[in-house]
């Protein structure tokens, strides 16, 4: 059974940082591109970042480029999202997702086979 479990969310002040983690089990992690998506209340789920399965190449939404960094540790079956210079508009539920043999161009949620439950990020003073 595939499980993706996010952690690291919480409350942070504007300008602060958080690091999200997503621990995967039940799948051959190194063969999956891993993506992060977010959804704020009343809004559509939106792409945040993705890291490919083979080269480790990454891509980001324009809204987070230069502030967020995605990385993966295949030995730990874990993908991370380092979020710096957080803004109130970054507040959302952040979810990780897995895409078999996916590249760094997997921006659509429909490309992903497995999803985590999400972790809440709140940015407020």
C-alpha atoms as a PDB file:
ATOM      1  CA  UNK A   1       0.000   0.000   0.000  1.00  0.00           C
ATOM      2  CA  UNK A   2       1.413   3.329  -1.065  1.00  0.00           C
ATOM      3  CA  UNK A   3       1.571   6.043   1.560  1.00  0.00           C
ATOM      4  CA  UNK A   4       2.767   9.618   1.297  1.00  0.00           C
ATOM      5  CA  UNK A   5       2.918  11.396   4.632  1.00  0.00           C
ATOM      6  CA  UNK A   6       3.629  15.120   4.837  1.00  0.00           C
ATOM      7  CA  UNK A   7       4.987  16.911   7.876  1.00  0.00           C
ATOM      8  CA  UNK A   8       6.522  20.231   8.808  1.00  0.00           C
ATOM      9  CA  UNK A   9       3.595  22.559   8.338  1.00  0.00           C
ATOM     10  CA  UNK A  10       2.595  25.131  10.907  1.00  0.00           C
ATOM     11  CA  UNK A  11       2.228  28.794  11.680  1.00  0.00           C
ATOM     12  CA  UNK A  12       4.979  31.165  10.589  1.00  0.00           C
ATOM     13  CA  UNK A  13       5.278  34.928  10.379  1.00  0.00           C
ATOM     14  CA  UNK A  14       5.641  36.666   7.018  1.00  0.00           C
ATOM     15  CA  UNK A  15       9.249  36.491   5.933  1.00  0.00           C
ATOM     16  CA  UNK A  16       9.827  33.292   7.853  1.00  0.00           C
ATOM     17  CA  UNK A  17      10.778  29.804   6.704  1.00  0.00           C
ATOM     18  CA  UNK A  18       9.445  26.282   6.906  1.00  0.00           C
ATOM     19  CA  UNK A  19      10.666  22.972   5.583  1.00  0.00           C
ATOM     20  CA  UNK A  20       8.060  20.454   4.567  1.00  0.00           C
ATOM     21  CA  UNK A  21       8.833  16.760   4.329  1.00  0.00           C
ATOM     22  CA  UNK A  22       7.011  13.979   2.541  1.00  0.00           C
ATOM     23  CA  UNK A  23       7.896  10.430   3.485  1.00  0.00           C
ATOM     24  CA  UNK A  24       6.936   7.774   0.963  1.00  0.00           C
ATOM     25  CA  UNK A  25       6.424   4.057   1.449  1.00  0.00           C
ATOM     26  CA  UNK A  26       5.071   1.176  -0.594  1.00  0.00           C
ATOM     27  CA  UNK A  27       6.554   2.343  -3.897  1.00  0.00           C
ATOM     28  CA  UNK A  28       9.886   2.395  -5.673  1.00  0.00           C
ATOM     29  CA  UNK A  29      10.530   5.979  -4.676  1.00  0.00           C
ATOM     30  CA  UNK A  30      13.521   6.596  -6.928  1.00  0.00           C
ATOM     31  CA  UNK A  31      11.368   5.889  -9.991  1.00  0.00           C
ATOM     32  CA  UNK A  32       8.857   8.591  -9.199  1.00  0.00           C
ATOM     33  CA  UNK A  33       8.891  12.273  -9.895  1.00  0.00           C
ATOM     34  CA  UNK A  34       7.695  14.027  -6.775  1.00  0.00           C
ATOM     35  CA  UNK A  35       5.604  17.137  -6.788  1.00  0.00           C
ATOM     36  CA  UNK A  36       4.271  19.610  -4.275  1.00  0.00           C
ATOM     37  CA  UNK A  37       0.889  21.222  -4.728  1.00  0.00           C
ATOM     38  CA  UNK A  38      -1.107  23.578  -2.556  1.00  0.00           C
ATOM     39  CA  UNK A  39      -4.717  24.502  -2.119  1.00  0.00           C
ATOM     40  CA  UNK A  40      -6.050  27.524  -0.292  1.00  0.00           C
ATOM     41  CA  UNK A  41      -9.680  27.776   0.842  1.00  0.00           C
ATOM     42  CA  UNK A  42     -11.964  28.512  -2.077  1.00  0.00           C
ATOM     43  CA  UNK A  43      -9.207  28.113  -4.637  1.00  0.00           C
ATOM     44  CA  UNK A  44      -8.136  25.442  -7.068  1.00  0.00           C
ATOM     45  CA  UNK A  45      -5.238  23.165  -6.287  1.00  0.00           C
ATOM     46  CA  UNK A  46      -2.111  24.670  -7.793  1.00  0.00           C
ATOM     47  CA  UNK A  47       1.287  23.373  -8.748  1.00  0.00           C
ATOM     48  CA  UNK A  48       4.196  24.495  -6.561  1.00  0.00           C
ATOM     49  CA  UNK A  49       7.259  22.445  -7.482  1.00  0.00           C
ATOM     50  CA  UNK A  50       8.381  19.156  -8.975  1.00  0.00           C
ATOM     51  CA  UNK A  51      11.592  17.154  -9.001  1.00  0.00           C
ATOM     52  CA  UNK A  52      12.186  14.523 -11.646  1.00  0.00           C
ATOM     53  CA  UNK A  53      12.844  10.879 -10.949  1.00  0.00           C
ATOM     54  CA  UNK A  54      16.124  10.422 -12.786  1.00  0.00           C
ATOM     55  CA  UNK A  55      18.110  13.638 -13.113  1.00  0.00           C
ATOM     56  CA  UNK A  56      16.807  15.443 -10.082  1.00  0.00           C
ATOM     57  CA  UNK A  57      15.940  18.409 -12.244  1.00  0.00           C
ATOM     58  CA  UNK A  58      13.357  20.702 -10.723  1.00  0.00           C
ATOM     59  CA  UNK A  59      10.734  23.180 -11.802  1.00  0.00           C
ATOM     60  CA  UNK A  60       8.772  25.767  -9.876  1.00  0.00           C
ATOM     61  CA  UNK A  61       5.673  27.871 -10.136  1.00  0.00           C
ATOM     62  CA  UNK A  62       6.532  31.471 -10.915  1.00  0.00           C
ATOM     63  CA  UNK A  63       4.966  32.542  -7.633  1.00  0.00           C
ATOM     64  CA  UNK A  64       7.529  30.612  -5.575  1.00  0.00           C
ATOM     65  CA  UNK A  65      10.591  30.701  -7.813  1.00  0.00           C
ATOM     66  CA  UNK A  66      13.627  31.948  -5.933  1.00  0.00           C
ATOM     67  CA  UNK A  67      11.980  31.391  -2.542  1.00  0.00           C
ATOM     68  CA  UNK A  68      11.183  27.668  -2.488  1.00  0.00           C
ATOM     69  CA  UNK A  69      13.520  24.752  -3.106  1.00  0.00           C
ATOM     70  CA  UNK A  70      12.494  21.153  -3.719  1.00  0.00           C
ATOM     71  CA  UNK A  71      14.911  18.316  -3.034  1.00  0.00           C
ATOM     72  CA  UNK A  72      14.830  14.580  -2.541  1.00  0.00           C
ATOM     73  CA  UNK A  73      16.712  11.944  -0.607  1.00  0.00           C
ATOM     74  CA  UNK A  74      16.176   8.601  -2.301  1.00  0.00           C
ATOM     75  CA  UNK A  75      17.918   6.763   0.539  1.00  0.00           C
ATOM     76  CA  UNK A  76      15.246   8.061   2.912  1.00  0.00           C
ATOM     77  CA  UNK A  77      12.352   7.909   0.445  1.00  0.00           C
ATOM     78  CA  UNK A  78      11.670  11.522   1.267  1.00  0.00           C
ATOM     79  CA  UNK A  79      11.067  14.713  -0.673  1.00  0.00           C
ATOM     80  CA  UNK A  80      11.446  18.141   0.892  1.00  0.00           C
ATOM     81  CA  UNK A  81      10.183  21.616   0.213  1.00  0.00           C
ATOM     82  CA  UNK A  82      12.234  24.392   1.747  1.00  0.00           C
ATOM     83  CA  UNK A  83      10.120  27.535   1.873  1.00  0.00           C
ATOM     84  CA  UNK A  84      11.787  30.849   2.570  1.00  0.00           C
ATOM     85  CA  UNK A  85      10.528  34.430   2.602  1.00  0.00           C
ATOM     86  CA  UNK A  86       7.012  33.211   3.151  1.00  0.00           C
ATOM     87  CA  UNK A  87       4.136  35.496   2.292  1.00  0.00           C
ATOM     88  CA  UNK A  88       0.522  35.462   3.503  1.00  0.00           C
ATOM     89  CA  UNK A  89      -0.528  34.316   0.036  1.00  0.00           C
ATOM     90  CA  UNK A  90       1.551  31.143   0.501  1.00  0.00           C
ATOM     91  CA  UNK A  91      -0.871  29.946   3.165  1.00  0.00           C
ATOM     92  CA  UNK A  92      -2.549  26.721   2.056  1.00  0.00           C
ATOM     93  CA  UNK A  93      -2.684  23.004   2.557  1.00  0.00           C
ATOM     94  CA  UNK A  94       0.437  21.599   0.926  1.00  0.00           C
ATOM     95  CA  UNK A  95       0.335  18.106  -0.501  1.00  0.00           C
ATOM     96  CA  UNK A  96       2.982  15.926  -2.056  1.00  0.00           C
ATOM     97  CA  UNK A  97       2.316  13.628  -4.976  1.00  0.00           C
ATOM     98  CA  UNK A  98       4.112  10.883  -6.903  1.00  0.00           C
ATOM     99  CA  UNK A  99       4.320  10.482 -10.683  1.00  0.00           C
ATOM    100  CA  UNK A 100       5.846   7.270 -12.042  1.00  0.00           C
ATOM    101  CA  UNK A 101       8.860   7.971 -14.285  1.00  0.00           C
ATOM    102  CA  UNK A 102       7.829  11.596 -14.435  1.00  0.00           C
ATOM    103  CA  UNK A 103       9.983  14.501 -15.474  1.00  0.00           C
ATOM    104  CA  UNK A 104      10.218  18.046 -14.250  1.00  0.00           C
ATOM    105  CA  UNK A 105       7.430  19.093 -16.619  1.00  0.00           C
ATOM    106  CA  UNK A 106       4.675  17.381 -14.641  1.00  0.00           C
ATOM    107  CA  UNK A 107       2.666  20.430 -13.624  1.00  0.00           C
ATOM    108  CA  UNK A 108      -0.828  18.969 -13.802  1.00  0.00           C
ATOM    109  CA  UNK A 109      -2.334  17.150 -10.806  1.00  0.00           C
ATOM    110  CA  UNK A 110      -3.756  14.598 -13.233  1.00  0.00           C
ATOM    111  CA  UNK A 111      -0.226  13.341 -13.963  1.00  0.00           C
ATOM    112  CA  UNK A 112       0.195  12.048 -10.425  1.00  0.00           C
ATOM    113  CA  UNK A 113      -0.850   8.612  -9.274  1.00  0.00           C
ATOM    114  CA  UNK A 114      -0.486   8.978  -5.530  1.00  0.00           C
ATOM    115  CA  UNK A 115      -1.201  11.789  -3.084  1.00  0.00           C
ATOM    116  CA  UNK A 116      -0.599  12.569   0.540  1.00  0.00           C
ATOM    117  CA  UNK A 117      -3.189  13.989   2.912  1.00  0.00           C
ATOM    118  CA  UNK A 118      -1.548  17.383   3.160  1.00  0.00           C
ATOM    119  CA  UNK A 119      -0.101  19.639   5.817  1.00  0.00           C
ATOM    120  CA  UNK A 120      -1.374  23.092   6.708  1.00  0.00           C
ATOM    121  CA  UNK A 121       0.852  26.128   6.275  1.00  0.00           C
ATOM    122  CA  UNK A 122      -0.349  29.368   7.837  1.00  0.00           C
ATOM    123  CA  UNK A 123       1.507  32.628   7.271  1.00  0.00           C
ATOM    124  CA  UNK A 124       0.354  35.335   9.586  1.00  0.00           C
ATOM    125  CA  UNK A 125       1.675  37.893  12.013  1.00  0.00           C
END
